[in-house]
Amino acid sequence: MNQNANQYMAEESIGKLMLRFSIPCIMSLLVSALYNIVDQIFIGRGVGFLGNGATNVVFPLTVIALAISLLAGDGCAAYLSICRAAGMQSTGIRAWEMQRPLWRQLVSCLHWSMFF
């Protein structure tokens, strides 16, 4: 891989990097919020107020599940990249393998929360 391809990450100012990488994140959050609004309109017209109530109860649970999965996935991926760059590949792989039980527990908790 070309070493100069990502050289701007080390040379660019923090403010410009934050602006460059925050715009796609903000756009994805806006699209997600717009999807939720449109979804509420269609459910309200099709099902009624009980459908809106059900989706309003479930929506925070999906946001919490997304936050936990991003916390574990992005954090572990960043740690794995740092370990690989430092030449500690076995430490990074061990950390990646340690997060698997967390994923299993999260999926089983979400699975059981749907039924009870």
PDB file of N, CA and C in Angstrom:
ATOM      1  N   MET A   1       0.839  -1.183   0.000  1.00  0.00           N
ATOM      2  CA  MET A   1       0.000   0.000   0.000  1.00  0.00           C
ATOM      3  C   MET A   1       0.879   1.240   0.000  1.00  0.00           C
ATOM      4  N   ASN A   2       0.440   2.260  -0.654  1.00  0.00           N
ATOM      5  CA  ASN A   2       1.188   3.494  -0.771  1.00  0.00           C
ATOM      6  C   ASN A   2       1.193   4.239   0.568  1.00  0.00           C
ATOM      7  N   GLN A   3       2.385   4.555   1.066  1.00  0.00           N
ATOM      8  CA  GLN A   3       2.502   5.236   2.359  1.00  0.00           C
ATOM      9  C   GLN A   3       2.010   6.675   2.295  1.00  0.00           C
ATOM     10  N   ASN A   4       2.061   7.289   1.128  1.00  0.00           N
ATOM     11  CA  ASN A   4       1.655   8.687   0.998  1.00  0.00           C
ATOM     12  C   ASN A   4       0.149   8.854   0.894  1.00  0.00           C
ATOM     13  N   ALA A   5      -0.577   7.749   0.738  1.00  0.00           N
ATOM     14  CA  ALA A   5      -2.032   7.835   0.551  1.00  0.00           C
ATOM     15  C   ALA A   5      -2.723   8.428   1.776  1.00  0.00           C
ATOM     16  N   ASN A   6      -2.251   8.102   2.956  1.00  0.00           N
ATOM     17  CA  ASN A   6      -2.881   8.595   4.187  1.00  0.00           C
ATOM     18  C   ASN A   6      -1.991   9.579   4.935  1.00  0.00           C
ATOM     19  N   GLN A   7      -1.059  10.191   4.260  1.00  0.00           N
ATOM     20  CA  GLN A   7      -0.150  11.128   4.903  1.00  0.00           C
ATOM     21  C   GLN A   7      -0.868  12.386   5.383  1.00  0.00           C
ATOM     22  N   TYR A   8      -1.974  12.739   4.742  1.00  0.00           N
ATOM     23  CA  TYR A   8      -2.699  13.951   5.153  1.00  0.00           C
ATOM     24  C   TYR A   8      -3.235  13.823   6.572  1.00  0.00           C
ATOM     25  N   MET A   9      -3.440  12.588   7.057  1.00  0.00           N
ATOM     26  CA  MET A   9      -3.923  12.401   8.430  1.00  0.00           C
ATOM     27  C   MET A   9      -2.907  12.914   9.452  1.00  0.00           C
ATOM     28  N   ALA A  10      -1.642  12.837   9.125  1.00  0.00           N
ATOM     29  CA  ALA A  10      -0.603  13.305  10.046  1.00  0.00           C
ATOM     30  C   ALA A  10      -0.276  14.772   9.857  1.00  0.00           C
ATOM     31  N   GLU A  11      -0.525  15.299   8.677  1.00  0.00           N
ATOM     32  CA  GLU A  11      -0.101  16.661   8.382  1.00  0.00           C
ATOM     33  C   GLU A  11      -1.215  17.691   8.479  1.00  0.00           C
ATOM     34  N   GLU A  12      -2.449  17.286   8.301  1.00  0.00           N
ATOM     35  CA  GLU A  12      -3.588  18.221   8.295  1.00  0.00           C
ATOM     36  C   GLU A  12      -3.929  18.642   9.726  1.00  0.00           C
ATOM     37  N   SER A  13      -4.518  19.822   9.878  1.00  0.00           N
ATOM     38  CA  SER A  13      -4.897  20.292  11.215  1.00  0.00           C
ATOM     39  C   SER A  13      -6.106  19.502  11.726  1.00  0.00           C
ATOM     40  N   ILE A  14      -6.227  19.458  13.031  1.00  0.00           N
ATOM     41  CA  ILE A  14      -7.300  18.683  13.660  1.00  0.00           C
ATOM     42  C   ILE A  14      -8.669  19.232  13.264  1.00  0.00           C
ATOM     43  N   GLY A  15      -8.806  20.538  13.206  1.00  0.00           N
ATOM     44  CA  GLY A  15     -10.094  21.137  12.852  1.00  0.00           C
ATOM     45  C   GLY A  15     -10.553  20.744  11.458  1.00  0.00           C
ATOM     46  N   LYS A  16      -9.640  20.755  10.494  1.00  0.00           N
ATOM     47  CA  LYS A  16     -10.003  20.367   9.135  1.00  0.00           C
ATOM     48  C   LYS A  16     -10.343  18.890   9.054  1.00  0.00           C
ATOM     49  N   LEU A  17      -9.599  18.071   9.791  1.00  0.00           N
ATOM     50  CA  LEU A  17      -9.904  16.638   9.797  1.00  0.00           C
ATOM     51  C   LEU A  17     -11.261  16.359  10.442  1.00  0.00           C
ATOM     52  N   MET A  18     -11.548  17.055  11.530  1.00  0.00           N
ATOM     53  CA  MET A  18     -12.849  16.869  12.190  1.00  0.00           C
ATOM     54  C   MET A  18     -13.984  17.282  11.262  1.00  0.00           C
ATOM     55  N   LEU A  19     -13.820  18.382  10.570  1.00  0.00           N
ATOM     56  CA  LEU A  19     -14.845  18.832   9.630  1.00  0.00           C
ATOM     57  C   LEU A  19     -15.011  17.834   8.486  1.00  0.00           C
ATOM     58  N   ARG A  20     -13.897  17.353   7.969  1.00  0.00           N
ATOM     59  CA  ARG A  20     -13.948  16.427   6.841  1.00  0.00           C
ATOM     60  C   ARG A  20     -14.643  15.117   7.203  1.00  0.00           C
ATOM     61  N   PHE A  21     -14.387  14.597   8.394  1.00  0.00           N
ATOM     62  CA  PHE A  21     -14.954  13.310   8.781  1.00  0.00           C
ATOM     63  C   PHE A  21     -16.281  13.421   9.506  1.00  0.00           C
ATOM     64  N   SER A  22     -16.642  14.615   9.981  1.00  0.00           N
ATOM     65  CA  SER A  22     -17.915  14.756  10.686  1.00  0.00           C
ATOM     66  C   SER A  22     -19.090  14.970   9.730  1.00  0.00           C
ATOM     67  N   ILE A  23     -18.839  15.522   8.564  1.00  0.00           N
ATOM     68  CA  ILE A  23     -19.931  15.778   7.617  1.00  0.00           C
ATOM     69  C   ILE A  23     -20.634  14.488   7.188  1.00  0.00           C
ATOM     70  N   PRO A  24     -19.923  13.406   6.816  1.00  0.00           N
ATOM     71  CA  PRO A  24     -20.645  12.168   6.490  1.00  0.00           C
ATOM     72  C   PRO A  24     -21.417  11.596   7.670  1.00  0.00           C
ATOM     73  N   CYS A  25     -20.887  11.746   8.872  1.00  0.00           N
ATOM     74  CA  CYS A  25     -21.586  11.261  10.058  1.00  0.00           C
ATOM     75  C   CYS A  25     -22.872  12.044  10.284  1.00  0.00           C
ATOM     76  N   ILE A  26     -22.794  13.345  10.150  1.00  0.00           N
ATOM     77  CA  ILE A  26     -23.983  14.184  10.324  1.00  0.00           C
ATOM     78  C   ILE A  26     -25.029  13.856   9.265  1.00  0.00           C
ATOM     79  N   MET A  27     -24.592  13.645   8.037  1.00  0.00           N
ATOM     80  CA  MET A  27     -25.531  13.305   6.962  1.00  0.00           C
ATOM     81  C   MET A  27     -26.219  11.969   7.231  1.00  0.00           C
ATOM     82  N   SER A  28     -25.480  10.987   7.730  1.00  0.00           N
ATOM     83  CA  SER A  28     -26.096   9.694   8.016  1.00  0.00           C
ATOM     84  C   SER A  28     -27.104   9.794   9.156  1.00  0.00           C
ATOM     85  N   LEU A  29     -26.810  10.624  10.144  1.00  0.00           N
ATOM     86  CA  LEU A  29     -27.766  10.820  11.235  1.00  0.00           C
ATOM     87  C   LEU A  29     -29.022  11.538  10.749  1.00  0.00           C
ATOM     88  N   LEU A  30     -28.867  12.501   9.860  1.00  0.00           N
ATOM     89  CA  LEU A  30     -30.032  13.187   9.301  1.00  0.00           C
ATOM     90  C   LEU A  30     -30.895  12.251   8.458  1.00  0.00           C
ATOM     91  N   VAL A  31     -30.271  11.389   7.675  1.00  0.00           N
ATOM     92  CA  VAL A  31     -31.028  10.416   6.878  1.00  0.00           C
ATOM     93  C   VAL A  31     -31.765   9.451   7.796  1.00  0.00           C
ATOM     94  N   SER A  32     -31.119   9.018   8.861  1.00  0.00           N
ATOM     95  CA  SER A  32     -31.773   8.118   9.820  1.00  0.00           C
ATOM     96  C   SER A  32     -32.966   8.792  10.492  1.00  0.00           C
ATOM     97  N   ALA A  33     -32.817  10.038  10.882  1.00  0.00           N
ATOM     98  CA  ALA A  33     -33.931  10.760  11.502  1.00  0.00           C
ATOM     99  C   ALA A  33     -35.064  10.977  10.510  1.00  0.00           C
ATOM    100  N   LEU A  34     -34.738  11.293   9.272  1.00  0.00           N
ATOM    101  CA  LEU A  34     -35.757  11.465   8.247  1.00  0.00           C
ATOM    102  C   LEU A  34     -36.494  10.150   7.985  1.00  0.00           C
ATOM    103  N   TYR A  35     -35.763   9.053   7.989  1.00  0.00           N
ATOM    104  CA  TYR A  35     -36.394   7.740   7.830  1.00  0.00           C
ATOM    105  C   TYR A  35     -37.391   7.481   8.959  1.00  0.00           C
ATOM    106  N   ASN A  36     -37.004   7.820  10.180  1.00  0.00           N
ATOM    107  CA  ASN A  36     -37.896   7.613  11.322  1.00  0.00           C
ATOM    108  C   ASN A  36     -39.151   8.471  11.200  1.00  0.00           C
ATOM    109  N   ILE A  37     -39.015   9.711  10.754  1.00  0.00           N
ATOM    110  CA  ILE A  37     -40.174  10.596  10.597  1.00  0.00           C
ATOM    111  C   ILE A  37     -41.120  10.062   9.534  1.00  0.00           C
ATOM    112  N   VAL A  38     -40.576   9.672   8.379  1.00  0.00           N
ATOM    113  CA  VAL A  38     -41.410   9.135   7.306  1.00  0.00           C
ATOM    114  C   VAL A  38     -42.064   7.824   7.740  1.00  0.00           C
ATOM    115  N   ASP A  39     -41.323   7.011   8.460  1.00  0.00           N
ATOM    116  CA  ASP A  39     -41.861   5.754   8.975  1.00  0.00           C
ATOM    117  C   ASP A  39     -43.042   6.013   9.913  1.00  0.00           C
ATOM    118  N   GLN A  40     -42.919   6.995  10.771  1.00  0.00           N
ATOM    119  CA  GLN A  40     -44.013   7.329  11.692  1.00  0.00           C
ATOM    120  C   GLN A  40     -45.249   7.812  10.932  1.00  0.00           C
ATOM    121  N   ILE A  41     -45.049   8.553   9.867  1.00  0.00           N
ATOM    122  CA  ILE A  41     -46.186   9.033   9.072  1.00  0.00           C
ATOM    123  C   ILE A  41     -46.930   7.861   8.446  1.00  0.00           C
ATOM    124  N   PHE A  42     -46.184   6.939   7.820  1.00  0.00           N
ATOM    125  CA  PHE A  42     -46.831   5.800   7.177  1.00  0.00           C
ATOM    126  C   PHE A  42     -47.486   4.866   8.186  1.00  0.00           C
ATOM    127  N   ILE A  43     -46.846   4.639   9.311  1.00  0.00           N
ATOM    128  CA  ILE A  43     -47.438   3.776  10.335  1.00  0.00           C
ATOM    129  C   ILE A  43     -48.671   4.454  10.924  1.00  0.00           C
ATOM    130  N   GLY A  44     -48.613   5.755  11.142  1.00  0.00           N
ATOM    131  CA  GLY A  44     -49.771   6.467  11.683  1.00  0.00           C
ATOM    132  C   GLY A  44     -50.968   6.419  10.757  1.00  0.00           C
ATOM    133  N   ARG A  45     -50.726   6.502   9.469  1.00  0.00           N
ATOM    134  CA  ARG A  45     -51.834   6.446   8.517  1.00  0.00           C
ATOM    135  C   ARG A  45     -52.343   5.021   8.326  1.00  0.00           C
ATOM    136  N   GLY A  46     -51.436   4.052   8.367  1.00  0.00           N
ATOM    137  CA  GLY A  46     -51.825   2.676   8.100  1.00  0.00           C
ATOM    138  C   GLY A  46     -52.376   1.952   9.317  1.00  0.00           C
ATOM    139  N   VAL A  47     -51.690   2.046  10.437  1.00  0.00           N
ATOM    140  CA  VAL A  47     -52.063   1.290  11.632  1.00  0.00           C
ATOM    141  C   VAL A  47     -52.827   2.151  12.622  1.00  0.00           C
ATOM    142  N   GLY A  48     -52.381   3.368  12.800  1.00  0.00           N
ATOM    143  CA  GLY A  48     -53.029   4.253  13.756  1.00  0.00           C
ATOM    144  C   GLY A  48     -52.123   4.585  14.926  1.00  0.00           C
ATOM    145  N   PHE A  49     -52.737   5.113  15.955  1.00  0.00           N
ATOM    146  CA  PHE A  49     -51.941   5.589  17.095  1.00  0.00           C
ATOM    147  C   PHE A  49     -51.286   4.455  17.856  1.00  0.00           C
ATOM    148  N   LEU A  50     -51.845   3.251  17.828  1.00  0.00           N
ATOM    149  CA  LEU A  50     -51.198   2.124  18.513  1.00  0.00           C
ATOM    150  C   LEU A  50     -49.896   1.729  17.813  1.00  0.00           C
ATOM    151  N   GLY A  51     -49.882   1.811  16.504  1.00  0.00           N
ATOM    152  CA  GLY A  51     -48.646   1.542  15.772  1.00  0.00           C
ATOM    153  C   GLY A  51     -47.577   2.575  16.067  1.00  0.00           C
ATOM    154  N   ASN A  52     -47.979   3.839  16.145  1.00  0.00           N
ATOM    155  CA  ASN A  52     -47.015   4.888  16.507  1.00  0.00           C
ATOM    156  C   ASN A  52     -46.497   4.689  17.921  1.00  0.00           C
ATOM    157  N   GLY A  53     -47.374   4.297  18.821  1.00  0.00           N
ATOM    158  CA  GLY A  53     -46.942   4.044  20.194  1.00  0.00           C
ATOM    159  C   GLY A  53     -45.950   2.895  20.268  1.00  0.00           C
ATOM    160  N   ALA A  54     -46.201   1.839  19.503  1.00  0.00           N
ATOM    161  CA  ALA A  54     -45.295   0.687  19.513  1.00  0.00           C
ATOM    162  C   ALA A  54     -43.922   1.050  18.959  1.00  0.00           C
ATOM    163  N   THR A  55     -43.903   1.785  17.858  1.00  0.00           N
ATOM    164  CA  THR A  55     -42.600   2.145  17.300  1.00  0.00           C
ATOM    165  C   THR A  55     -41.871   3.156  18.187  1.00  0.00           C
ATOM    166  N   ASN A  56     -42.603   3.998  18.895  1.00  0.00           N
ATOM    167  CA  ASN A  56     -41.953   4.941  19.810  1.00  0.00           C
ATOM    168  C   ASN A  56     -41.381   4.239  21.030  1.00  0.00           C
ATOM    169  N   VAL A  57     -41.934   3.097  21.401  1.00  0.00           N
ATOM    170  CA  VAL A  57     -41.375   2.327  22.507  1.00  0.00           C
ATOM    171  C   VAL A  57     -40.116   1.589  22.059  1.00  0.00           C
ATOM    172  N   VAL A  58     -40.136   1.060  20.847  1.00  0.00           N
ATOM    173  CA  VAL A  58     -39.032   0.232  20.361  1.00  0.00           C
ATOM    174  C   VAL A  58     -37.855   1.073  19.867  1.00  0.00           C
ATOM    175  N   PHE A  59     -38.108   2.254  19.361  1.00  0.00           N
ATOM    176  CA  PHE A  59     -37.040   3.063  18.761  1.00  0.00           C
ATOM    177  C   PHE A  59     -35.879   3.338  19.717  1.00  0.00           C
ATOM    178  N   PRO A  60     -36.106   3.727  20.973  1.00  0.00           N
ATOM    179  CA  PRO A  60     -34.950   3.926  21.864  1.00  0.00           C
ATOM    180  C   PRO A  60     -34.145   2.644  22.085  1.00  0.00           C
ATOM    181  N   LEU A  61     -34.809   1.495  22.075  1.00  0.00           N
ATOM    182  CA  LEU A  61     -34.075   0.240  22.231  1.00  0.00           C
ATOM    183  C   LEU A  61     -33.154  -0.013  21.040  1.00  0.00           C
ATOM    184  N   THR A  62     -33.613   0.319  19.850  1.00  0.00           N
ATOM    185  CA  THR A  62     -32.753   0.138  18.685  1.00  0.00           C
ATOM    186  C   THR A  62     -31.585   1.123  18.695  1.00  0.00           C
ATOM    187  N   VAL A  63     -31.817   2.316  19.186  1.00  0.00           N
ATOM    188  CA  VAL A  63     -30.727   3.296  19.276  1.00  0.00           C
ATOM    189  C   VAL A  63     -29.696   2.843  20.302  1.00  0.00           C
ATOM    190  N   ILE A  64     -30.145   2.298  21.421  1.00  0.00           N
ATOM    191  CA  ILE A  64     -29.217   1.794  22.439  1.00  0.00           C
ATOM    192  C   ILE A  64     -28.421   0.619  21.896  1.00  0.00           C
ATOM    193  N   ALA A  65     -29.092  -0.297  21.184  1.00  0.00           N
ATOM    194  CA  ALA A  65     -28.382  -1.438  20.598  1.00  0.00           C
ATOM    195  C   ALA A  65     -27.356  -0.967  19.571  1.00  0.00           C
ATOM    196  N   LEU A  66     -27.711   0.027  18.769  1.00  0.00           N
ATOM    197  CA  LEU A  66     -26.770   0.578  17.792  1.00  0.00           C
ATOM    198  C   LEU A  66     -25.581   1.220  18.496  1.00  0.00           C
ATOM    199  N   ALA A  67     -25.830   1.946  19.573  1.00  0.00           N
ATOM    200  CA  ALA A  67     -24.742   2.604  20.302  1.00  0.00           C
ATOM    201  C   ALA A  67     -23.781   1.581  20.902  1.00  0.00           C
ATOM    202  N   ILE A  68     -24.318   0.519  21.481  1.00  0.00           N
ATOM    203  CA  ILE A  68     -23.457  -0.507  22.077  1.00  0.00           C
ATOM    204  C   ILE A  68     -22.658  -1.230  21.002  1.00  0.00           C
ATOM    205  N   SER A  69     -23.294  -1.531  19.884  1.00  0.00           N
ATOM    206  CA  SER A  69     -22.573  -2.237  18.831  1.00  0.00           C
ATOM    207  C   SER A  69     -21.487  -1.358  18.216  1.00  0.00           C
ATOM    208  N   LEU A  70     -21.762  -0.065  18.048  1.00  0.00           N
ATOM    209  CA  LEU A  70     -20.736   0.838  17.538  1.00  0.00           C
ATOM    210  C   LEU A  70     -19.602   1.022  18.543  1.00  0.00           C
ATOM    211  N   LEU A  71     -19.942   1.062  19.817  1.00  0.00           N
ATOM    212  CA  LEU A  71     -18.925   1.183  20.856  1.00  0.00           C
ATOM    213  C   LEU A  71     -17.963   0.016  20.799  1.00  0.00           C
ATOM    214  N   ALA A  72     -18.504  -1.190  20.757  1.00  0.00           N
ATOM    215  CA  ALA A  72     -17.651  -2.372  20.754  1.00  0.00           C
ATOM    216  C   ALA A  72     -16.945  -2.546  19.410  1.00  0.00           C
ATOM    217  N   GLY A  73     -17.668  -2.406  18.322  1.00  0.00           N
ATOM    218  CA  GLY A  73     -17.082  -2.651  17.013  1.00  0.00           C
ATOM    219  C   GLY A  73     -16.044  -1.631  16.606  1.00  0.00           C
ATOM    220  N   ASP A  74     -16.372  -0.354  16.712  1.00  0.00           N
ATOM    221  CA  ASP A  74     -15.422   0.690  16.316  1.00  0.00           C
ATOM    222  C   ASP A  74     -14.242   0.772  17.267  1.00  0.00           C
ATOM    223  N   GLY A  75     -14.497   0.603  18.547  1.00  0.00           N
ATOM    224  CA  GLY A  75     -13.407   0.642  19.520  1.00  0.00           C
ATOM    225  C   GLY A  75     -12.431  -0.495  19.323  1.00  0.00           C
ATOM    226  N   CYS A  76     -12.964  -1.679  19.092  1.00  0.00           N
ATOM    227  CA  CYS A  76     -12.095  -2.830  18.891  1.00  0.00           C
ATOM    228  C   CYS A  76     -11.356  -2.735  17.563  1.00  0.00           C
ATOM    229  N   ALA A  77     -12.015  -2.239  16.526  1.00  0.00           N
ATOM    230  CA  ALA A  77     -11.355  -2.077  15.236  1.00  0.00           C
ATOM    231  C   ALA A  77     -10.227  -1.044  15.323  1.00  0.00           C
ATOM    232  N   ALA A  78     -10.466   0.043  16.052  1.00  0.00           N
ATOM    233  CA  ALA A  78      -9.412   1.052  16.219  1.00  0.00           C
ATOM    234  C   ALA A  78      -8.232   0.484  17.006  1.00  0.00           C
ATOM    235  N   TYR A  79      -8.531  -0.280  18.058  1.00  0.00           N
ATOM    236  CA  TYR A  79      -7.460  -0.881  18.856  1.00  0.00           C
ATOM    237  C   TYR A  79      -6.678  -1.901  18.036  1.00  0.00           C
ATOM    238  N   LEU A  80      -7.369  -2.669  17.211  1.00  0.00           N
ATOM    239  CA  LEU A  80      -6.698  -3.632  16.346  1.00  0.00           C
ATOM    240  C   LEU A  80      -5.779  -2.919  15.354  1.00  0.00           C
ATOM    241  N   SER A  81      -6.234  -1.804  14.794  1.00  0.00           N
ATOM    242  CA  SER A  81      -5.395  -1.047  13.858  1.00  0.00           C
ATOM    243  C   SER A  81      -4.172  -0.472  14.549  1.00  0.00           C
ATOM    244  N   ILE A  82      -4.342   0.033  15.765  1.00  0.00           N
ATOM    245  CA  ILE A  82      -3.202   0.581  16.515  1.00  0.00           C
ATOM    246  C   ILE A  82      -2.193  -0.518  16.817  1.00  0.00           C
ATOM    247  N   CYS A  83      -2.688  -1.683  17.223  1.00  0.00           N
ATOM    248  CA  CYS A  83      -1.779  -2.800  17.535  1.00  0.00           C
ATOM    249  C   CYS A  83      -1.052  -3.288  16.294  1.00  0.00           C
ATOM    250  N   ARG A  84      -1.747  -3.340  15.167  1.00  0.00           N
ATOM    251  CA  ARG A  84      -1.096  -3.786  13.929  1.00  0.00           C
ATOM    252  C   ARG A  84      -0.033  -2.787  13.486  1.00  0.00           C
ATOM    253  N   ALA A  85      -0.307  -1.490  13.658  1.00  0.00           N
ATOM    254  CA  ALA A  85       0.675  -0.483  13.270  1.00  0.00           C
ATOM    255  C   ALA A  85       1.897  -0.517  14.174  1.00  0.00           C
ATOM    256  N   ALA A  86       1.700  -0.888  15.436  1.00  0.00           N
ATOM    257  CA  ALA A  86       2.810  -0.943  16.385  1.00  0.00           C
ATOM    258  C   ALA A  86       3.546  -2.279  16.323  1.00  0.00           C
ATOM    259  N   GLY A  87       3.082  -3.204  15.489  1.00  0.00           N
ATOM    260  CA  GLY A  87       3.736  -4.501  15.370  1.00  0.00           C
ATOM    261  C   GLY A  87       3.322  -5.501  16.426  1.00  0.00           C
ATOM    262  N   MET A  88       2.243  -5.221  17.145  1.00  0.00           N
ATOM    263  CA  MET A  88       1.743  -6.142  18.174  1.00  0.00           C
ATOM    264  C   MET A  88       0.481  -6.839  17.662  1.00  0.00           C
ATOM    265  N   GLN A  89       0.626  -7.583  16.596  1.00  0.00           N
ATOM    266  CA  GLN A  89      -0.533  -8.174  15.946  1.00  0.00           C
ATOM    267  C   GLN A  89      -1.226  -9.195  16.846  1.00  0.00           C
ATOM    268  N   SER A  90      -0.472  -9.962  17.624  1.00  0.00           N
ATOM    269  CA  SER A  90      -1.103 -10.973  18.480  1.00  0.00           C
ATOM    270  C   SER A  90      -1.964 -10.316  19.560  1.00  0.00           C
ATOM    271  N   THR A  91      -1.536  -9.163  20.077  1.00  0.00           N
ATOM    272  CA  THR A  91      -2.336  -8.452  21.077  1.00  0.00           C
ATOM    273  C   THR A  91      -3.637  -7.942  20.465  1.00  0.00           C
ATOM    274  N   GLY A  92      -3.568  -7.417  19.255  1.00  0.00           N
ATOM    275  CA  GLY A  92      -4.771  -6.931  18.587  1.00  0.00           C
ATOM    276  C   GLY A  92      -5.746  -8.045  18.272  1.00  0.00           C
ATOM    277  N   ILE A  93      -5.231  -9.177  17.819  1.00  0.00           N
ATOM    278  CA  ILE A  93      -6.113 -10.310  17.514  1.00  0.00           C
ATOM    279  C   ILE A  93      -6.737 -10.840  18.785  1.00  0.00           C
ATOM    280  N   ARG A  94      -5.972 -10.884  19.874  1.00  0.00           N
ATOM    281  CA  ARG A  94      -6.524 -11.346  21.152  1.00  0.00           C
ATOM    282  C   ARG A  94      -7.648 -10.416  21.627  1.00  0.00           C
ATOM    283  N   ALA A  95      -7.476  -9.112  21.442  1.00  0.00           N
ATOM    284  CA  ALA A  95      -8.532  -8.161  21.817  1.00  0.00           C
ATOM    285  C   ALA A  95      -9.756  -8.353  20.938  1.00  0.00           C
ATOM    286  N   TRP A  96      -9.549  -8.619  19.657  1.00  0.00           N
ATOM    287  CA  TRP A  96     -10.670  -8.858  18.747  1.00  0.00           C
ATOM    288  C   TRP A  96     -11.435 -10.111  19.161  1.00  0.00           C
ATOM    289  N   GLU A  97     -10.718 -11.140  19.576  1.00  0.00           N
ATOM    290  CA  GLU A  97     -11.375 -12.378  20.007  1.00  0.00           C
ATOM    291  C   GLU A  97     -12.076 -12.208  21.352  1.00  0.00           C
ATOM    292  N   MET A  98     -11.593 -11.294  22.186  1.00  0.00           N
ATOM    293  CA  MET A  98     -12.218 -11.087  23.489  1.00  0.00           C
ATOM    294  C   MET A  98     -13.559 -10.380  23.378  1.00  0.00           C
ATOM    295  N   GLN A  99     -13.805  -9.668  22.291  1.00  0.00           N
ATOM    296  CA  GLN A  99     -15.072  -8.961  22.166  1.00  0.00           C
ATOM    297  C   GLN A  99     -16.175  -9.865  21.635  1.00  0.00           C
ATOM    298  N   ARG A 100     -15.852 -11.060  21.157  1.00  0.00           N
ATOM    299  CA  ARG A 100     -16.879 -11.982  20.664  1.00  0.00           C
ATOM    300  C   ARG A 100     -17.913 -12.356  21.728  1.00  0.00           C
ATOM    301  N   PRO A 101     -17.505 -12.689  22.966  1.00  0.00           N
ATOM    302  CA  PRO A 101     -18.545 -12.976  23.977  1.00  0.00           C
ATOM    303  C   PRO A 101     -19.482 -11.801  24.226  1.00  0.00           C
ATOM    304  N   LEU A 102     -18.960 -10.579  24.114  1.00  0.00           N
ATOM    305  CA  LEU A 102     -19.825  -9.407  24.265  1.00  0.00           C
ATOM    306  C   LEU A 102     -20.895  -9.401  23.190  1.00  0.00           C
ATOM    307  N   TRP A 103     -20.507  -9.692  21.958  1.00  0.00           N
ATOM    308  CA  TRP A 103     -21.468  -9.742  20.859  1.00  0.00           C
ATOM    309  C   TRP A 103     -22.497 -10.829  21.085  1.00  0.00           C
ATOM    310  N   ARG A 104     -22.047 -12.002  21.547  1.00  0.00           N
ATOM    311  CA  ARG A 104     -22.991 -13.098  21.800  1.00  0.00           C
ATOM    312  C   ARG A 104     -23.997 -12.705  22.881  1.00  0.00           C
ATOM    313  N   GLN A 105     -23.520 -12.083  23.946  1.00  0.00           N
ATOM    314  CA  GLN A 105     -24.416 -11.668  25.015  1.00  0.00           C
ATOM    315  C   GLN A 105     -25.372 -10.588  24.547  1.00  0.00           C
ATOM    316  N   LEU A 106     -24.890  -9.648  23.758  1.00  0.00           N
ATOM    317  CA  LEU A 106     -25.747  -8.586  23.252  1.00  0.00           C
ATOM    318  C   LEU A 106     -26.838  -9.150  22.359  1.00  0.00           C
ATOM    319  N   VAL A 107     -26.473 -10.057  21.474  1.00  0.00           N
ATOM    320  CA  VAL A 107     -27.466 -10.652  20.577  1.00  0.00           C
ATOM    321  C   VAL A 107     -28.471 -11.479  21.358  1.00  0.00           C
ATOM    322  N   SER A 108     -28.009 -12.236  22.345  1.00  0.00           N
ATOM    323  CA  SER A 108     -28.964 -13.042  23.122  1.00  0.00           C
ATOM    324  C   SER A 108     -29.880 -12.152  23.959  1.00  0.00           C
ATOM    325  N   CYS A 109     -29.358 -11.050  24.509  1.00  0.00           N
ATOM    326  CA  CYS A 109     -30.212 -10.133  25.274  1.00  0.00           C
ATOM    327  C   CYS A 109     -31.261  -9.485  24.370  1.00  0.00           C
ATOM    328  N   LEU A 110     -30.846  -9.074  23.187  1.00  0.00           N
ATOM    329  CA  LEU A 110     -31.811  -8.493  22.257  1.00  0.00           C
ATOM    330  C   LEU A 110     -32.834  -9.524  21.806  1.00  0.00           C
ATOM    331  N   HIS A 111     -32.374 -10.753  21.609  1.00  0.00           N
ATOM    332  CA  HIS A 111     -33.291 -11.821  21.195  1.00  0.00           C
ATOM    333  C   HIS A 111     -34.340 -12.074  22.267  1.00  0.00           C
ATOM    334  N   TRP A 112     -33.915 -12.183  23.519  1.00  0.00           N
ATOM    335  CA  TRP A 112     -34.860 -12.466  24.606  1.00  0.00           C
ATOM    336  C   TRP A 112     -35.726 -11.243  24.921  1.00  0.00           C
ATOM    337  N   SER A 113     -35.210 -10.043  24.703  1.00  0.00           N
ATOM    338  CA  SER A 113     -36.028  -8.858  24.991  1.00  0.00           C
ATOM    339  C   SER A 113     -37.177  -8.699  23.995  1.00  0.00           C
ATOM    340  N   MET A 114     -37.057  -9.312  22.835  1.00  0.00           N
ATOM    341  CA  MET A 114     -38.141  -9.245  21.864  1.00  0.00           C
ATOM    342  C   MET A 114     -39.336 -10.093  22.298  1.00  0.00           C
ATOM    343  N   PHE A 115     -39.080 -11.120  23.101  1.00  0.00           N
ATOM    344  CA  PHE A 115     -40.149 -12.051  23.468  1.00  0.00           C
ATOM    345  C   PHE A 115     -40.735 -11.799  24.834  1.00  0.00           C
ATOM    346  N   PHE A 116     -40.074 -11.014  25.657  1.00  0.00           N
ATOM    347  CA  PHE A 116     -40.594 -10.786  27.018  1.00  0.00           C
ATOM    348  C   PHE A 116     -40.791  -9.320  27.293  1.00  0.00           C
TER     349      PHE A 116
END
